[in-house]
Amino acid sequence: MKQKLTLLLVFLSISSSFATLRRVNNNVGIVPVATLVYTTLDAAIADAVNGDTIYVEPSTTSYSMGSVLIKRLIFIGDGYQKGSNANLISPLSFSLNESIITANFAINTGAENSAFIGMRLNGDITVNASNILFKRCSFTPSNSGGNLVLNSSSNIVEQCFFSLNGGGHGDINGSGSGNIFRNCIIQDIMFNQVNPLVDQCFLGGVQTIVNGTFTNCIVGTNNYSVGTNSTFSFSIKIGAVFGTPGSNNIENAVLSDVFESSSPTFDKNYRLKVGSSAIGTGNTGQNIGPFGGADPYRLSGQAGIPTIRNFFLSTTGSTASGLSGSITVQSNN
């Protein structure tokens, strides 16, 4: 009896330490459930405590958000550009709607180690806290903003899509140092970062970067300025030379010889065409660009959470035999 009581107390102690999973859904007809299901993102954030996860569910209406985040939270959405990739994604999401936050907001002290995954973010996001993760997110600009402004250090931006469509510019800006960028598609420009580590990315252009290390990247012609003490290696420059120390680079490349599309718009257009000079020319023999490397870019930014691909349950059974059934799950990692 003493052993059972001890195990029960341990279990209760562990359970009480688990983070809360909260849902936000602003579609018509959704009924809120206190502390669990919300119709506004701000209400979920207000109730959340450090370590909680908020699932921002697809909707026909974007979500607004207060001006400052000061809690350590994880936001998970359902990806972006699902319509344009409908015939390329397996399994297709249950909804072609997107999880969109339309707001200008800051991530400040107290929000360290927060994460945004599978979200479409419209507006200027200013990061003043360190160790923030943006994974499989789309930054879609509008006339009111669309920049990721990194003023802090040790942040990770991976498998993200920065768009030029929408009336503004999806830039990376700010005075941050030592930030990491992996397997991203950045249609516009990376500005002003100090000591960035950039690997397996497409960048429309770079400007005023200090001590940047770029590997396995493809760089376009948008406002290209070499910056100070930056190096490019195993990388491709479209229409010009890098003009800075480096090695094993391919310069004066033609955009239409590298990608499937000569005027890329969607993320799928940045896949390499047959015969591309980026195939097999990376630093370990992998493909150069966002779809290469150990953790390639994922179309539409589908979050790495399980998806049910197939579910079967028999319609007949008995108290003796029960019901037969099967379920197939895809990890999406």
Protein backbone atom coordinates (compact mmCIF):
# COMPACT_ATOMS: atom_id res chain seq x y z
CA MET A 1 0.00 0.00 0.00
CA LYS A 2 2.88 2.33 0.84
CA GLN A 3 4.47 1.69 -2.59
CA LYS A 4 1.18 2.48 -4.37
CA LEU A 5 0.75 5.73 -2.41
CA THR A 6 4.32 6.79 -3.21
CA LEU A 7 3.82 6.14 -6.93
CA LEU A 8 0.54 8.05 -6.91
CA LEU A 9 2.16 11.07 -5.26
CA VAL A 10 5.01 11.02 -7.80
CA PHE A 11 2.49 10.80 -10.68
CA LEU A 12 0.46 13.71 -9.33
CA SER A 13 3.62 15.77 -8.90
CA ILE A 14 4.70 15.11 -12.50
CA SER A 15 1.21 15.80 -13.88
CA SER A 16 0.97 19.14 -12.12
CA SER A 17 4.21 20.25 -13.81
CA PHE A 18 2.94 19.60 -17.35
CA ALA A 19 2.31 22.66 -19.52
CA THR A 20 -1.24 23.42 -20.58
CA LEU A 21 -2.28 22.99 -24.21
CA ARG A 22 -4.66 25.80 -25.22
CA ARG A 23 -6.64 26.21 -28.47
CA VAL A 24 -7.63 29.40 -30.25
CA ASN A 25 -10.29 29.30 -32.95
CA ASN A 26 -12.21 32.39 -34.09
CA ASN A 27 -14.40 30.65 -36.67
CA VAL A 28 -18.15 31.17 -36.41
CA GLY A 29 -19.86 28.71 -34.10
CA ILE A 30 -16.88 27.92 -31.86
CA VAL A 31 -17.91 27.69 -28.21
CA PRO A 32 -15.21 28.77 -25.73
CA VAL A 33 -14.19 26.39 -22.95
CA ALA A 34 -12.75 28.08 -19.89
CA THR A 35 -8.91 27.87 -19.75
CA LEU A 36 -8.79 25.57 -22.81
CA VAL A 37 -10.59 26.90 -25.91
CA TYR A 38 -10.59 30.61 -26.84
CA THR A 39 -11.93 32.76 -29.64
CA THR A 40 -9.21 35.41 -29.33
CA LEU A 41 -5.46 35.00 -29.17
CA ASP A 42 -5.05 37.73 -26.56
CA ALA A 43 -7.40 35.91 -24.16
CA ALA A 44 -5.35 32.71 -24.50
CA ILE A 45 -2.10 34.59 -23.91
CA ALA A 46 -3.57 36.31 -20.85
CA ASP A 47 -4.44 32.95 -19.24
CA ALA A 48 -1.25 31.18 -20.32
CA VAL A 49 1.78 30.72 -18.11
CA ASN A 50 5.40 30.10 -19.05
CA GLY A 51 5.80 26.87 -20.97
CA ASP A 52 2.23 26.64 -22.30
CA THR A 53 1.47 25.76 -25.92
CA ILE A 54 -1.19 27.63 -27.89
CA TYR A 55 -2.59 25.99 -31.03
CA VAL A 56 -3.74 28.74 -33.40
CA GLU A 57 -6.26 26.94 -35.58
CA PRO A 58 -6.94 27.73 -39.26
CA SER A 59 -9.58 30.38 -39.85
CA THR A 60 -11.13 32.58 -42.52
CA THR A 61 -10.24 35.55 -40.28
CA SER A 62 -6.76 36.43 -39.09
CA TYR A 63 -5.96 36.77 -35.41
CA SER A 64 -4.89 39.99 -33.75
CA MET A 65 -2.31 40.14 -30.97
CA GLY A 66 -1.35 42.65 -28.28
CA SER A 67 1.71 44.80 -28.71
CA VAL A 68 4.14 42.92 -26.42
CA LEU A 69 4.84 39.27 -25.59
CA ILE A 70 6.57 38.80 -22.22
CA LYS A 71 5.79 35.11 -21.54
CA ARG A 72 7.61 31.96 -22.67
CA LEU A 73 5.02 30.39 -24.97
CA ILE A 74 4.89 28.08 -27.99
CA PHE A 75 2.53 29.01 -30.83
CA ILE A 76 1.69 26.31 -33.39
CA GLY A 77 -0.31 26.90 -36.57
CA ASP A 78 -1.28 24.88 -39.63
CA GLY A 79 1.09 26.25 -42.24
CA TYR A 80 0.65 28.51 -45.28
CA GLN A 81 0.35 28.41 -49.08
CA LYS A 82 -1.63 25.20 -48.75
CA GLY A 83 -3.79 25.95 -51.77
CA SER A 84 -0.84 26.44 -54.13
CA ASN A 85 0.74 23.22 -52.85
CA ALA A 86 -2.43 21.14 -52.64
CA ASN A 87 -1.19 18.53 -55.11
CA LEU A 88 2.25 18.34 -53.50
CA ILE A 89 1.41 17.82 -49.83
CA SER A 90 0.57 14.37 -48.49
CA PRO A 91 -1.54 14.22 -46.48
CA LEU A 92 -3.28 17.51 -47.29
CA SER A 93 -4.33 19.54 -44.27
CA PHE A 94 -7.99 19.23 -43.28
CA SER A 95 -8.45 22.93 -44.11
CA LEU A 96 -6.95 25.23 -46.73
CA ASN A 97 -7.46 28.14 -44.35
CA GLU A 98 -4.36 29.42 -42.60
CA SER A 99 -3.31 30.31 -39.07
CA ILE A 100 -2.58 34.02 -39.52
CA ILE A 101 -1.51 36.62 -36.97
CA THR A 102 -1.91 40.13 -38.38
CA ALA A 103 -0.28 42.54 -35.96
CA ASN A 104 2.85 44.53 -35.21
CA PHE A 105 4.22 43.25 -31.92
CA ALA A 106 7.42 42.95 -29.88
CA ILE A 107 8.91 39.92 -28.13
CA ASN A 108 10.54 41.27 -24.99
CA THR A 109 12.38 40.13 -21.87
CA GLY A 110 10.45 37.33 -20.19
CA ALA A 111 9.62 35.61 -23.49
CA GLU A 112 13.02 33.94 -23.92
CA ASN A 113 12.80 30.43 -25.43
CA SER A 114 9.41 31.10 -27.02
CA ALA A 115 8.64 29.55 -30.40
CA PHE A 116 6.43 30.23 -33.42
CA ILE A 117 5.85 27.15 -35.60
CA GLY A 118 3.72 26.76 -38.73
CA MET A 119 2.38 30.32 -38.54
CA ARG A 120 1.74 33.00 -41.15
CA LEU A 121 2.85 36.29 -39.63
CA ASN A 122 1.72 39.61 -41.13
CA GLY A 123 3.26 42.73 -39.66
CA ASP A 124 6.49 43.94 -38.10
CA ILE A 125 7.82 41.60 -35.41
CA THR A 126 10.54 43.09 -33.23
CA VAL A 127 12.56 40.59 -31.21
CA ASN A 128 14.31 42.02 -28.15
CA ALA A 129 14.58 38.73 -26.24
CA SER A 130 17.10 35.98 -26.99
CA ASN A 131 16.63 32.31 -27.92
CA ILE A 132 13.42 32.77 -29.90
CA LEU A 133 12.62 30.12 -32.51
CA PHE A 134 10.76 30.80 -35.75
CA LYS A 135 10.26 27.48 -37.56
CA ARG A 136 8.26 26.83 -40.74
CA CYS A 137 6.64 30.27 -40.63
CA SER A 138 5.69 32.62 -43.45
CA PHE A 139 6.35 36.34 -43.15
CA THR A 140 3.95 38.05 -45.54
CA PRO A 141 4.33 41.81 -45.74
CA SER A 142 1.64 44.43 -46.06
CA ASN A 143 1.75 48.20 -46.37
CA SER A 144 1.83 48.36 -42.57
CA GLY A 145 4.87 46.14 -42.17
CA GLY A 146 6.23 42.67 -42.63
CA ASN A 147 9.78 42.74 -41.29
CA LEU A 148 11.42 40.44 -38.78
CA VAL A 149 13.52 42.83 -36.70
CA LEU A 150 16.07 40.89 -34.68
CA ASN A 151 17.73 43.11 -32.08
CA SER A 152 18.91 40.27 -29.85
CA SER A 153 21.17 37.23 -30.06
CA SER A 154 21.03 33.43 -30.34
CA ASN A 155 17.69 33.36 -32.15
CA ILE A 156 16.98 30.63 -34.73
CA VAL A 157 15.04 31.18 -37.94
CA GLU A 158 14.66 27.95 -39.91
CA GLN A 159 12.57 26.64 -42.80
CA CYS A 160 10.77 29.99 -43.04
CA PHE A 161 9.43 31.83 -46.09
CA PHE A 162 9.79 35.62 -46.39
CA SER A 163 7.53 36.90 -49.16
CA LEU A 164 7.72 39.96 -51.39
CA ASN A 165 4.00 39.78 -52.18
CA GLY A 166 1.37 41.68 -50.24
CA GLY A 167 2.28 45.34 -50.70
CA GLY A 168 5.39 45.54 -48.50
CA HIS A 169 8.79 43.98 -47.95
CA GLY A 170 9.49 40.84 -45.94
CA ASP A 171 12.97 41.80 -44.76
CA ILE A 172 15.22 40.63 -41.98
CA ASN A 173 16.54 43.65 -40.15
CA GLY A 174 17.73 44.81 -36.75
CA SER A 175 20.95 45.07 -34.78
CA GLY A 176 21.09 41.46 -33.57
CA SER A 177 24.27 39.43 -33.26
CA GLY A 178 24.96 35.72 -33.59
CA ASN A 179 21.56 34.74 -34.96
CA ILE A 180 21.17 31.53 -36.97
CA PHE A 181 19.29 31.18 -40.26
CA ARG A 182 18.80 27.74 -41.84
CA ASN A 183 16.90 26.49 -44.90
CA CYS A 184 14.95 29.72 -45.37
CA ILE A 185 13.56 31.36 -48.49
CA ILE A 186 14.08 35.11 -48.13
CA GLN A 187 12.74 36.77 -51.26
CA ASP A 188 13.89 40.24 -50.23
CA ILE A 189 16.91 41.34 -48.19
CA MET A 190 18.82 40.55 -45.01
CA PHE A 191 20.03 43.80 -43.45
CA ASN A 192 22.41 44.85 -40.69
CA GLN A 193 22.89 41.58 -38.79
CA VAL A 194 26.20 41.08 -37.00
CA ASN A 195 27.92 37.65 -36.95
CA PRO A 196 24.98 35.81 -38.50
CA LEU A 197 25.37 32.13 -39.40
CA VAL A 198 23.42 31.52 -42.62
CA ASP A 199 23.22 28.03 -44.11
CA GLN A 200 21.14 26.45 -46.91
CA CYS A 201 19.15 29.64 -47.61
CA PHE A 202 17.96 31.59 -50.62
CA LEU A 203 18.41 35.34 -50.11
CA GLY A 204 17.15 37.92 -52.57
CA GLY A 205 19.98 40.15 -51.39
CA VAL A 206 22.19 41.03 -48.44
CA GLN A 207 23.18 44.49 -47.27
CA THR A 208 25.45 45.92 -44.55
CA ILE A 209 26.06 42.52 -42.91
CA VAL A 210 29.03 42.41 -40.53
CA ASN A 211 31.12 39.23 -40.13
CA GLY A 212 28.49 37.05 -41.75
CA THR A 213 29.21 33.39 -42.51
CA PHE A 214 27.19 32.11 -45.47
CA THR A 215 27.38 28.49 -46.60
CA ASN A 216 25.37 26.50 -49.15
CA CYS A 217 23.32 29.59 -50.03
CA ILE A 218 21.89 31.05 -53.23
CA VAL A 219 21.96 34.85 -53.38
CA GLY A 220 19.94 36.98 -55.80
CA THR A 221 20.34 40.52 -57.06
CA ASN A 222 18.11 42.57 -54.71
CA ASN A 223 20.24 45.43 -53.30
CA TYR A 224 23.35 43.31 -52.99
CA SER A 225 26.05 44.92 -50.85
CA VAL A 226 28.84 42.75 -49.54
CA GLY A 227 29.01 44.28 -46.03
CA THR A 228 32.07 43.96 -43.79
CA ASN A 229 34.21 40.83 -43.38
CA SER A 230 31.55 38.42 -44.61
CA THR A 231 32.43 35.15 -46.31
CA PHE A 232 30.50 32.98 -48.75
CA SER A 233 31.44 29.38 -49.45
CA PHE A 234 29.81 26.60 -51.46
CA SER A 235 27.29 29.23 -52.53
CA ILE A 236 25.79 30.56 -55.77
CA LYS A 237 25.50 34.22 -56.80
CA ILE A 238 22.91 35.13 -59.41
CA GLY A 239 24.03 37.57 -62.10
CA ALA A 240 27.21 38.83 -60.44
CA VAL A 241 30.18 37.88 -58.26
CA PHE A 242 30.25 37.81 -54.46
CA GLY A 243 33.11 40.28 -54.24
CA THR A 244 34.32 38.96 -50.89
CA PRO A 245 36.62 36.15 -49.74
CA GLY A 246 35.21 32.65 -50.06
CA SER A 247 35.70 29.29 -51.69
CA ASN A 248 33.98 26.76 -53.93
CA ASN A 249 31.42 29.31 -55.10
CA ILE A 250 29.52 29.52 -58.38
CA GLU A 251 29.12 33.10 -59.63
CA ASN A 252 27.26 34.85 -62.44
CA ALA A 253 24.61 32.13 -62.41
CA VAL A 254 21.27 32.53 -64.21
CA LEU A 255 18.16 32.28 -62.03
CA SER A 256 16.23 30.20 -64.56
CA ASP A 257 19.11 27.70 -64.69
CA VAL A 258 18.94 27.12 -60.94
CA PHE A 259 15.24 26.91 -59.97
CA GLU A 260 12.16 25.34 -61.51
CA SER A 261 10.74 28.83 -62.17
CA SER A 262 12.44 31.84 -63.71
CA SER A 263 10.22 34.17 -61.61
CA PRO A 264 9.65 32.37 -58.29
CA THR A 265 6.58 33.40 -56.33
CA PHE A 266 5.55 30.48 -54.15
CA ASP A 267 7.82 28.32 -52.04
CA LYS A 268 7.44 25.39 -54.45
CA ASN A 269 9.09 27.52 -57.19
CA TYR A 270 12.39 27.39 -55.32
CA ARG A 271 12.88 23.67 -55.86
CA LEU A 272 15.89 22.95 -58.04
CA LYS A 273 15.36 22.21 -61.71
CA VAL A 274 16.85 19.19 -63.42
CA GLY A 275 20.49 19.91 -64.20
CA SER A 276 20.73 22.83 -61.73
CA SER A 277 24.24 23.85 -60.74
CA ALA A 278 23.07 23.69 -57.10
CA ILE A 279 22.59 19.91 -57.23
CA GLY A 280 25.26 18.02 -55.31
CA THR A 281 27.63 20.98 -54.95
CA GLY A 282 27.19 21.72 -51.23
CA ASN A 283 29.98 21.41 -48.68
CA THR A 284 29.20 17.74 -47.99
CA GLY A 285 27.90 16.90 -51.45
CA GLN A 286 24.31 17.88 -50.67
CA ASN A 287 22.19 20.26 -52.75
CA ILE A 288 22.73 23.98 -52.22
CA GLY A 289 19.72 26.05 -51.18
CA PRO A 290 16.72 25.70 -48.85
CA PHE A 291 15.66 22.24 -50.04
CA GLY A 292 19.09 20.74 -49.32
CA GLY A 293 20.91 19.68 -46.18
CA ALA A 294 19.98 17.58 -43.17
CA ASP A 295 16.67 19.35 -42.44
CA PRO A 296 15.29 20.66 -45.76
CA TYR A 297 12.65 23.34 -46.16
CA ARG A 298 9.14 21.90 -45.80
CA LEU A 299 6.53 23.02 -48.35
CA SER A 300 3.77 25.13 -46.77
CA GLY A 301 5.48 25.02 -43.39
CA GLN A 302 3.49 22.13 -42.02
CA ALA A 303 4.30 21.80 -38.34
CA GLY A 304 6.12 18.68 -37.17
CA ILE A 305 3.15 17.23 -35.33
CA PRO A 306 1.48 13.92 -36.19
CA THR A 307 -1.21 13.81 -38.89
CA ILE A 308 -3.75 11.00 -39.22
CA ARG A 309 -3.46 9.60 -42.75
CA ASN A 310 -5.92 6.74 -42.51
CA PHE A 311 -8.53 5.67 -39.95
CA PHE A 312 -10.77 2.60 -40.06
CA LEU A 313 -13.28 1.33 -37.51
CA SER A 314 -15.63 -1.57 -38.18
CA THR A 315 -19.35 -0.86 -37.87
CA THR A 316 -20.23 -4.18 -36.28
CA GLY A 317 -18.91 -6.13 -33.32
CA SER A 318 -19.88 -7.91 -30.16
CA THR A 319 -19.21 -7.80 -26.45
CA ALA A 320 -16.97 -10.82 -26.94
CA SER A 321 -14.93 -9.72 -29.96
CA GLY A 322 -15.19 -5.94 -29.66
CA LEU A 323 -14.66 -3.67 -32.68
CA SER A 324 -11.75 -3.98 -35.10
CA GLY A 325 -9.97 -0.92 -36.42
CA SER A 326 -6.70 0.60 -37.57
CA ILE A 327 -5.06 4.01 -37.68
CA THR A 328 -2.08 5.29 -39.70
CA VAL A 329 -0.20 8.35 -38.50
CA GLN A 330 2.46 10.45 -40.29
CA SER A 331 4.99 12.20 -38.05
CA ASN A 332 5.67 15.30 -40.28
CA ASN A 333 9.06 15.81 -38.63
